[in-house]
Amino acid sequence: MSAHSYESEKYWKANLRLIVGSLIVWAAASYGFAILLRPLLAFIQIGGTDLGFWFAQQGSILTFIVLIFHYAWQMNRLDRKFGLDEE
């Protein structure tokens, strides 16, 4: 296996770990807190409604936006680490 192929494989494995981690966080916020754990979160009030409803309406969207910025930031770091940045 050539050095370039090995580096390419390491880059894509790191990229896939980042993607899978982001999907897990998104699923936990969207499905876990908003649907599956809603009965447990019903007693916590935020903004005049229960926390489970808040996650279903606002929290999952805000989590997704944060994940977009986090993914872009981490990919820029990964690109610099492997010499693939655009600078």
PDB file of N, CA and C in Angstrom:
ATOM      1  N   MET A   1       0.849  -1.168   0.000  1.00  0.00           N
ATOM      2  CA  MET A   1       0.000   0.000   0.000  1.00  0.00           C
ATOM      3  C   MET A   1       0.900   1.238   0.000  1.00  0.00           C
ATOM      4  N   SER A   2       0.645   2.163  -0.902  1.00  0.00           N
ATOM      5  CA  SER A   2       1.472   3.363  -0.993  1.00  0.00           C
ATOM      6  C   SER A   2       1.157   4.321   0.148  1.00  0.00           C
ATOM      7  N   ALA A   3       2.096   5.239   0.402  1.00  0.00           N
ATOM      8  CA  ALA A   3       1.907   6.213   1.480  1.00  0.00           C
ATOM      9  C   ALA A   3       0.706   7.100   1.198  1.00  0.00           C
ATOM     10  N   HIS A   4       0.515   7.471  -0.077  1.00  0.00           N
ATOM     11  CA  HIS A   4      -0.627   8.319  -0.442  1.00  0.00           C
ATOM     12  C   HIS A   4      -1.943   7.599  -0.178  1.00  0.00           C
ATOM     13  N   SER A   5      -1.995   6.332  -0.523  1.00  0.00           N
ATOM     14  CA  SER A   5      -3.208   5.547  -0.314  1.00  0.00           C
ATOM     15  C   SER A   5      -3.512   5.405   1.183  1.00  0.00           C
ATOM     16  N   TYR A   6      -2.452   5.212   1.972  1.00  0.00           N
ATOM     17  CA  TYR A   6      -2.624   5.085   3.422  1.00  0.00           C
ATOM     18  C   TYR A   6      -3.146   6.380   4.019  1.00  0.00           C
ATOM     19  N   GLU A   7      -2.592   7.516   3.616  1.00  0.00           N
ATOM     20  CA  GLU A   7      -3.051   8.818   4.107  1.00  0.00           C
ATOM     21  C   GLU A   7      -4.490   9.085   3.677  1.00  0.00           C
ATOM     22  N   SER A   8      -4.806   8.718   2.446  1.00  0.00           N
ATOM     23  CA  SER A   8      -6.164   8.903   1.940  1.00  0.00           C
ATOM     24  C   SER A   8      -7.157   8.079   2.755  1.00  0.00           C
ATOM     25  N   GLU A   9      -6.768   6.867   3.068  1.00  0.00           N
ATOM     26  CA  GLU A   9      -7.634   5.996   3.874  1.00  0.00           C
ATOM     27  C   GLU A   9      -7.821   6.568   5.279  1.00  0.00           C
ATOM     28  N   LYS A  10      -6.749   7.083   5.891  1.00  0.00           N
ATOM     29  CA  LYS A  10      -6.853   7.694   7.219  1.00  0.00           C
ATOM     30  C   LYS A  10      -7.765   8.917   7.185  1.00  0.00           C
ATOM     31  N   TYR A  11      -7.653   9.721   6.122  1.00  0.00           N
ATOM     32  CA  TYR A  11      -8.483  10.914   5.970  1.00  0.00           C
ATOM     33  C   TYR A  11      -9.963  10.539   5.909  1.00  0.00           C
ATOM     34  N   TRP A  12     -10.307   9.554   5.083  1.00  0.00           N
ATOM     35  CA  TRP A  12     -11.713   9.186   4.926  1.00  0.00           C
ATOM     36  C   TRP A  12     -12.270   8.492   6.167  1.00  0.00           C
ATOM     37  N   LYS A  13     -11.425   7.744   6.873  1.00  0.00           N
ATOM     38  CA  LYS A  13     -11.893   7.143   8.130  1.00  0.00           C
ATOM     39  C   LYS A  13     -12.207   8.225   9.149  1.00  0.00           C
ATOM     40  N   ALA A  14     -11.346   9.249   9.229  1.00  0.00           N
ATOM     41  CA  ALA A  14     -11.599  10.360  10.150  1.00  0.00           C
ATOM     42  C   ALA A  14     -12.854  11.118   9.737  1.00  0.00           C
ATOM     43  N   ASN A  15     -13.038  11.310   8.442  1.00  0.00           N
ATOM     44  CA  ASN A  15     -14.225  11.993   7.917  1.00  0.00           C
ATOM     45  C   ASN A  15     -15.490  11.200   8.269  1.00  0.00           C
ATOM     46  N   LEU A  16     -15.459   9.907   8.074  1.00  0.00           N
ATOM     47  CA  LEU A  16     -16.631   9.075   8.379  1.00  0.00           C
ATOM     48  C   LEU A  16     -16.934   9.047   9.876  1.00  0.00           C
ATOM     49  N   ARG A  17     -15.883   9.045  10.721  1.00  0.00           N
ATOM     50  CA  ARG A  17     -16.112   9.120  12.169  1.00  0.00           C
ATOM     51  C   ARG A  17     -16.822  10.407  12.530  1.00  0.00           C
ATOM     52  N   LEU A  18     -16.416  11.503  11.897  1.00  0.00           N
ATOM     53  CA  LEU A  18     -17.050  12.801  12.156  1.00  0.00           C
ATOM     54  C   LEU A  18     -18.509  12.796  11.699  1.00  0.00           C
ATOM     55  N   ILE A  19     -18.772  12.229  10.548  1.00  0.00           N
ATOM     56  CA  ILE A  19     -20.138  12.153  10.028  1.00  0.00           C
ATOM     57  C   ILE A  19     -21.016  11.283  10.935  1.00  0.00           C
ATOM     58  N   VAL A  20     -20.523  10.115  11.305  1.00  0.00           N
ATOM     59  CA  VAL A  20     -21.304   9.212  12.161  1.00  0.00           C
ATOM     60  C   VAL A  20     -21.561   9.849  13.519  1.00  0.00           C
ATOM     61  N   GLY A  21     -20.552  10.498  14.092  1.00  0.00           N
ATOM     62  CA  GLY A  21     -20.737  11.185  15.365  1.00  0.00           C
ATOM     63  C   GLY A  21     -21.787  12.279  15.267  1.00  0.00           C
ATOM     64  N   SER A  22     -21.754  13.039  14.173  1.00  0.00           N
ATOM     65  CA  SER A  22     -22.745  14.099  13.965  1.00  0.00           C
ATOM     66  C   SER A  22     -24.148  13.521  13.830  1.00  0.00           C
ATOM     67  N   LEU A  23     -24.283  12.424  13.114  1.00  0.00           N
ATOM     68  CA  LEU A  23     -25.590  11.789  12.950  1.00  0.00           C
ATOM     69  C   LEU A  23     -26.128  11.242  14.270  1.00  0.00           C
ATOM     70  N   ILE A  24     -25.245  10.733  15.110  1.00  0.00           N
ATOM     71  CA  ILE A  24     -25.676  10.221  16.412  1.00  0.00           C
ATOM     72  C   ILE A  24     -26.197  11.359  17.283  1.00  0.00           C
ATOM     73  N   VAL A  25     -25.471  12.480  17.301  1.00  0.00           N
ATOM     74  CA  VAL A  25     -25.920  13.640  18.087  1.00  0.00           C
ATOM     75  C   VAL A  25     -27.247  14.150  17.547  1.00  0.00           C
ATOM     76  N   TRP A  26     -27.355  14.256  16.223  1.00  0.00           N
ATOM     77  CA  TRP A  26     -28.603  14.736  15.618  1.00  0.00           C
ATOM     78  C   TRP A  26     -29.772  13.808  15.951  1.00  0.00           C
ATOM     79  N   ALA A  27     -29.549  12.499  15.842  1.00  0.00           N
ATOM     80  CA  ALA A  27     -30.622  11.543  16.137  1.00  0.00           C
ATOM     81  C   ALA A  27     -31.020  11.599  17.609  1.00  0.00           C
ATOM     82  N   ALA A  28     -30.036  11.758  18.486  1.00  0.00           N
ATOM     83  CA  ALA A  28     -30.349  11.842  19.919  1.00  0.00           C
ATOM     84  C   ALA A  28     -31.210  13.070  20.203  1.00  0.00           C
ATOM     85  N   ALA A  29     -30.874  14.196  19.585  1.00  0.00           N
ATOM     86  CA  ALA A  29     -31.647  15.418  19.824  1.00  0.00           C
ATOM     87  C   ALA A  29     -33.020  15.342  19.162  1.00  0.00           C
ATOM     88  N   SER A  30     -33.060  14.862  17.924  1.00  0.00           N
ATOM     89  CA  SER A  30     -34.318  14.855  17.169  1.00  0.00           C
ATOM     90  C   SER A  30     -35.274  13.761  17.614  1.00  0.00           C
ATOM     91  N   TYR A  31     -34.770  12.547  17.728  1.00  0.00           N
ATOM     92  CA  TYR A  31     -35.639  11.421  18.059  1.00  0.00           C
ATOM     93  C   TYR A  31     -35.624  11.090  19.550  1.00  0.00           C
ATOM     94  N   GLY A  32     -34.428  11.122  20.114  1.00  0.00           N
ATOM     95  CA  GLY A  32     -34.304  10.745  21.519  1.00  0.00           C
ATOM     96  C   GLY A  32     -35.031  11.695  22.449  1.00  0.00           C
ATOM     97  N   PHE A  33     -34.619  12.972  22.440  1.00  0.00           N
ATOM     98  CA  PHE A  33     -35.207  13.939  23.362  1.00  0.00           C
ATOM     99  C   PHE A  33     -36.619  14.329  22.961  1.00  0.00           C
ATOM    100  N   ALA A  34     -36.864  14.469  21.665  1.00  0.00           N
ATOM    101  CA  ALA A  34     -38.167  14.969  21.215  1.00  0.00           C
ATOM    102  C   ALA A  34     -39.257  13.899  21.207  1.00  0.00           C
ATOM    103  N   ILE A  35     -38.907  12.648  21.018  1.00  0.00           N
ATOM    104  CA  ILE A  35     -39.932  11.609  20.883  1.00  0.00           C
ATOM    105  C   ILE A  35     -39.814  10.555  21.989  1.00  0.00           C
ATOM    106  N   LEU A  36     -38.667   9.890  22.043  1.00  0.00           N
ATOM    107  CA  LEU A  36     -38.531   8.765  22.969  1.00  0.00           C
ATOM    108  C   LEU A  36     -38.497   9.192  24.433  1.00  0.00           C
ATOM    109  N   LEU A  37     -37.798  10.262  24.741  1.00  0.00           N
ATOM    110  CA  LEU A  37     -37.671  10.703  26.132  1.00  0.00           C
ATOM    111  C   LEU A  37     -38.650  11.807  26.511  1.00  0.00           C
ATOM    112  N   ARG A  38     -39.569  12.128  25.624  1.00  0.00           N
ATOM    113  CA  ARG A  38     -40.499  13.222  25.914  1.00  0.00           C
ATOM    114  C   ARG A  38     -41.289  13.020  27.211  1.00  0.00           C
ATOM    115  N   PRO A  39     -41.796  11.827  27.498  1.00  0.00           N
ATOM    116  CA  PRO A  39     -42.526  11.666  28.766  1.00  0.00           C
ATOM    117  C   PRO A  39     -41.654  11.970  29.991  1.00  0.00           C
ATOM    118  N   LEU A  40     -40.375  11.656  29.931  1.00  0.00           N
ATOM    119  CA  LEU A  40     -39.482  11.939  31.049  1.00  0.00           C
ATOM    120  C   LEU A  40     -39.148  13.421  31.148  1.00  0.00           C
ATOM    121  N   LEU A  41     -39.210  14.123  30.018  1.00  0.00           N
ATOM    122  CA  LEU A  41     -38.866  15.543  29.984  1.00  0.00           C
ATOM    123  C   LEU A  41     -40.085  16.451  30.149  1.00  0.00           C
ATOM    124  N   ALA A  42     -41.265  15.855  30.278  1.00  0.00           N
ATOM    125  CA  ALA A  42     -42.503  16.639  30.339  1.00  0.00           C
ATOM    126  C   ALA A  42     -42.591  17.503  31.588  1.00  0.00           C
ATOM    127  N   PHE A  43     -41.844  17.144  32.620  1.00  0.00           N
ATOM    128  CA  PHE A  43     -41.927  17.884  33.874  1.00  0.00           C
ATOM    129  C   PHE A  43     -40.971  19.070  33.929  1.00  0.00           C
ATOM    130  N   ILE A  44     -40.075  19.159  32.955  1.00  0.00           N
ATOM    131  CA  ILE A  44     -39.117  20.265  32.907  1.00  0.00           C
ATOM    132  C   ILE A  44     -39.689  21.331  31.984  1.00  0.00           C
ATOM    133  N   GLN A  45     -39.916  22.501  32.518  1.00  0.00           N
ATOM    134  CA  GLN A  45     -40.519  23.591  31.743  1.00  0.00           C
ATOM    135  C   GLN A  45     -39.435  24.508  31.176  1.00  0.00           C
ATOM    136  N   ILE A  46     -39.605  24.883  29.911  1.00  0.00           N
ATOM    137  CA  ILE A  46     -38.719  25.849  29.267  1.00  0.00           C
ATOM    138  C   ILE A  46     -39.559  26.668  28.296  1.00  0.00           C
ATOM    139  N   GLY A  47     -39.506  27.965  28.426  1.00  0.00           N
ATOM    140  CA  GLY A  47     -40.251  28.833  27.518  1.00  0.00           C
ATOM    141  C   GLY A  47     -41.752  28.611  27.536  1.00  0.00           C
ATOM    142  N   GLY A  48     -42.322  28.197  28.650  1.00  0.00           N
ATOM    143  CA  GLY A  48     -43.761  28.001  28.752  1.00  0.00           C
ATOM    144  C   GLY A  48     -44.256  26.651  28.258  1.00  0.00           C
ATOM    145  N   THR A  49     -43.370  25.761  27.898  1.00  0.00           N
ATOM    146  CA  THR A  49     -43.766  24.434  27.442  1.00  0.00           C
ATOM    147  C   THR A  49     -42.793  23.405  28.008  1.00  0.00           C
ATOM    148  N   ASP A  50     -43.102  22.133  27.823  1.00  0.00           N
ATOM    149  CA  ASP A  50     -42.206  21.117  28.366  1.00  0.00           C
ATOM    150  C   ASP A  50     -40.970  20.944  27.472  1.00  0.00           C
ATOM    151  N   LEU A  51     -39.905  20.434  28.065  1.00  0.00           N
ATOM    152  CA  LEU A  51     -38.623  20.321  27.376  1.00  0.00           C
ATOM    153  C   LEU A  51     -38.688  19.392  26.167  1.00  0.00           C
ATOM    154  N   GLY A  52     -39.466  18.322  26.234  1.00  0.00           N
ATOM    155  CA  GLY A  52     -39.600  17.410  25.100  1.00  0.00           C
ATOM    156  C   GLY A  52     -40.209  18.101  23.891  1.00  0.00           C
ATOM    157  N   PHE A  53     -41.249  18.884  24.124  1.00  0.00           N
ATOM    158  CA  PHE A  53     -41.871  19.637  23.031  1.00  0.00           C
ATOM    159  C   PHE A  53     -40.907  20.680  22.486  1.00  0.00           C
ATOM    160  N   TRP A  54     -40.163  21.334  23.386  1.00  0.00           N
ATOM    161  CA  TRP A  54     -39.194  22.338  22.956  1.00  0.00           C
ATOM    162  C   TRP A  54     -38.147  21.715  22.047  1.00  0.00           C
ATOM    163  N   PHE A  55     -37.644  20.516  22.401  1.00  0.00           N
ATOM    164  CA  PHE A  55     -36.671  19.847  21.543  1.00  0.00           C
ATOM    165  C   PHE A  55     -37.279  19.502  20.194  1.00  0.00           C
ATOM    166  N   ALA A  56     -38.533  19.082  20.185  1.00  0.00           N
ATOM    167  CA  ALA A  56     -39.180  18.735  18.921  1.00  0.00           C
ATOM    168  C   ALA A  56     -39.329  19.958  18.025  1.00  0.00           C
ATOM    169  N   GLN A  57     -39.602  21.116  18.604  1.00  0.00           N
ATOM    170  CA  GLN A  57     -39.861  22.317  17.815  1.00  0.00           C
ATOM    171  C   GLN A  57     -38.619  23.161  17.571  1.00  0.00           C
ATOM    172  N   GLN A  58     -37.772  23.334  18.576  1.00  0.00           N
ATOM    173  CA  GLN A  58     -36.638  24.248  18.462  1.00  0.00           C
ATOM    174  C   GLN A  58     -35.292  23.563  18.659  1.00  0.00           C
ATOM    175  N   GLY A  59     -35.215  22.728  19.642  1.00  0.00           N
ATOM    176  CA  GLY A  59     -33.934  22.140  20.029  1.00  0.00           C
ATOM    177  C   GLY A  59     -33.270  21.335  18.942  1.00  0.00           C
ATOM    178  N   SER A  60     -34.043  20.527  18.222  1.00  0.00           N
ATOM    179  CA  SER A  60     -33.439  19.720  17.169  1.00  0.00           C
ATOM    180  C   SER A  60     -32.933  20.594  16.026  1.00  0.00           C
ATOM    181  N   ILE A  61     -33.634  21.673  15.731  1.00  0.00           N
ATOM    182  CA  ILE A  61     -33.192  22.588  14.671  1.00  0.00           C
ATOM    183  C   ILE A  61     -31.914  23.304  15.099  1.00  0.00           C
ATOM    184  N   LEU A  62     -31.882  23.801  16.337  1.00  0.00           N
ATOM    185  CA  LEU A  62     -30.688  24.478  16.831  1.00  0.00           C
ATOM    186  C   LEU A  62     -29.506  23.520  16.916  1.00  0.00           C
ATOM    187  N   THR A  63     -29.766  22.294  17.330  1.00  0.00           N
ATOM    188  CA  THR A  63     -28.708  21.287  17.376  1.00  0.00           C
ATOM    189  C   THR A  63     -28.162  21.034  15.979  1.00  0.00           C
ATOM    190  N   PHE A  64     -29.024  20.950  14.991  1.00  0.00           N
ATOM    191  CA  PHE A  64     -28.599  20.715  13.616  1.00  0.00           C
ATOM    192  C   PHE A  64     -27.734  21.878  13.112  1.00  0.00           C
ATOM    193  N   ILE A  65     -28.101  23.104  13.423  1.00  0.00           N
ATOM    194  CA  ILE A  65     -27.312  24.263  12.993  1.00  0.00           C
ATOM    195  C   ILE A  65     -25.935  24.238  13.650  1.00  0.00           C
ATOM    196  N   VAL A  66     -25.894  23.927  14.943  1.00  0.00           N
ATOM    197  CA  VAL A  66     -24.605  23.821  15.631  1.00  0.00           C
ATOM    198  C   VAL A  66     -23.759  22.715  15.008  1.00  0.00           C
ATOM    199  N   LEU A  67     -24.381  21.600  14.670  1.00  0.00           N
ATOM    200  CA  LEU A  67     -23.648  20.493  14.035  1.00  0.00           C
ATOM    201  C   LEU A  67     -23.058  20.897  12.680  1.00  0.00           C
ATOM    202  N   ILE A  68     -23.767  21.705  11.921  1.00  0.00           N
ATOM    203  CA  ILE A  68     -23.247  22.162  10.633  1.00  0.00           C
ATOM    204  C   ILE A  68     -21.957  22.945  10.833  1.00  0.00           C
ATOM    205  N   PHE A  69     -21.973  23.900  11.775  1.00  0.00           N
ATOM    206  CA  PHE A  69     -20.775  24.692  12.034  1.00  0.00           C
ATOM    207  C   PHE A  69     -19.652  23.842  12.620  1.00  0.00           C
ATOM    208  N   HIS A  70     -19.992  22.910  13.507  1.00  0.00           N
ATOM    209  CA  HIS A  70     -18.988  22.026  14.091  1.00  0.00           C
ATOM    210  C   HIS A  70     -18.355  21.153  13.010  1.00  0.00           C
ATOM    211  N   TYR A  71     -19.163  20.611  12.111  1.00  0.00           N
ATOM    212  CA  TYR A  71     -18.642  19.771  11.032  1.00  0.00           C
ATOM    213  C   TYR A  71     -17.696  20.575  10.130  1.00  0.00           C
ATOM    214  N   ALA A  72     -18.088  21.781   9.769  1.00  0.00           N
ATOM    215  CA  ALA A  72     -17.238  22.617   8.909  1.00  0.00           C
ATOM    216  C   ALA A  72     -15.918  22.932   9.610  1.00  0.00           C
ATOM    217  N   TRP A  73     -15.968  23.263  10.891  1.00  0.00           N
ATOM    218  CA  TRP A  73     -14.768  23.575  11.652  1.00  0.00           C
ATOM    219  C   TRP A  73     -13.839  22.356  11.727  1.00  0.00           C
ATOM    220  N   GLN A  74     -14.418  21.189  12.045  1.00  0.00           N
ATOM    221  CA  GLN A  74     -13.610  19.970  12.148  1.00  0.00           C
ATOM    222  C   GLN A  74     -13.046  19.538  10.795  1.00  0.00           C
ATOM    223  N   MET A  75     -13.819  19.709   9.738  1.00  0.00           N
ATOM    224  CA  MET A  75     -13.318  19.344   8.406  1.00  0.00           C
ATOM    225  C   MET A  75     -12.176  20.264   7.986  1.00  0.00           C
ATOM    226  N   ASN A  76     -12.252  21.546   8.326  1.00  0.00           N
ATOM    227  CA  ASN A  76     -11.142  22.449   8.037  1.00  0.00           C
ATOM    228  C   ASN A  76      -9.882  22.005   8.776  1.00  0.00           C
ATOM    229  N   ARG A  77     -10.031  21.602  10.031  1.00  0.00           N
ATOM    230  CA  ARG A  77      -8.878  21.091  10.789  1.00  0.00           C
ATOM    231  C   ARG A  77      -8.337  19.820  10.158  1.00  0.00           C
ATOM    232  N   LEU A  78      -9.233  18.933   9.765  1.00  0.00           N
ATOM    233  CA  LEU A  78      -8.823  17.672   9.142  1.00  0.00           C
ATOM    234  C   LEU A  78      -8.117  17.926   7.810  1.00  0.00           C
ATOM    235  N   ASP A  79      -8.651  18.848   7.019  1.00  0.00           N
ATOM    236  CA  ASP A  79      -8.020  19.188   5.745  1.00  0.00           C
ATOM    237  C   ASP A  79      -6.615  19.751   5.953  1.00  0.00           C
ATOM    238  N   ARG A  80      -6.451  20.623   6.952  1.00  0.00           N
ATOM    239  CA  ARG A  80      -5.119  21.170   7.239  1.00  0.00           C
ATOM    240  C   ARG A  80      -4.168  20.076   7.687  1.00  0.00           C
ATOM    241  N   LYS A  81      -4.659  19.151   8.517  1.00  0.00           N
ATOM    242  CA  LYS A  81      -3.823  18.061   9.026  1.00  0.00           C
ATOM    243  C   LYS A  81      -3.288  17.197   7.885  1.00  0.00           C
ATOM    244  N   PHE A  82      -4.105  16.967   6.868  1.00  0.00           N
ATOM    245  CA  PHE A  82      -3.702  16.107   5.759  1.00  0.00           C
ATOM    246  C   PHE A  82      -3.222  16.891   4.546  1.00  0.00           C
ATOM    247  N   GLY A  83      -3.046  18.208   4.706  1.00  0.00           N
ATOM    248  CA  GLY A  83      -2.516  19.013   3.611  1.00  0.00           C
ATOM    249  C   GLY A  83      -3.487  19.228   2.463  1.00  0.00           C
ATOM    250  N   LEU A  84      -4.759  19.223   2.750  1.00  0.00           N
ATOM    251  CA  LEU A  84      -5.768  19.386   1.696  1.00  0.00           C
ATOM    252  C   LEU A  84      -6.518  20.712   1.784  1.00  0.00           C
ATOM    253  N   ASP A  85      -6.006  21.626   2.611  1.00  0.00           N
ATOM    254  CA  ASP A  85      -6.703  22.898   2.783  1.00  0.00           C
ATOM    255  C   ASP A  85      -6.548  23.768   1.544  1.00  0.00           C
ATOM    256  N   GLU A  86      -7.403  24.752   1.440  1.00  0.00           N
ATOM    257  CA  GLU A  86      -7.473  25.589   0.226  1.00  0.00           C
ATOM    258  C   GLU A  86      -6.612  26.829   0.322  1.00  0.00           C
ATOM    259  N   GLU A  87      -5.804  26.954   1.347  1.00  0.00           N
ATOM    260  CA  GLU A  87      -4.994  28.149   1.501  1.00  0.00           C
ATOM    261  C   GLU A  87      -3.777  28.122   0.628  1.00  0.00           C
TER     262      GLU A  87
END
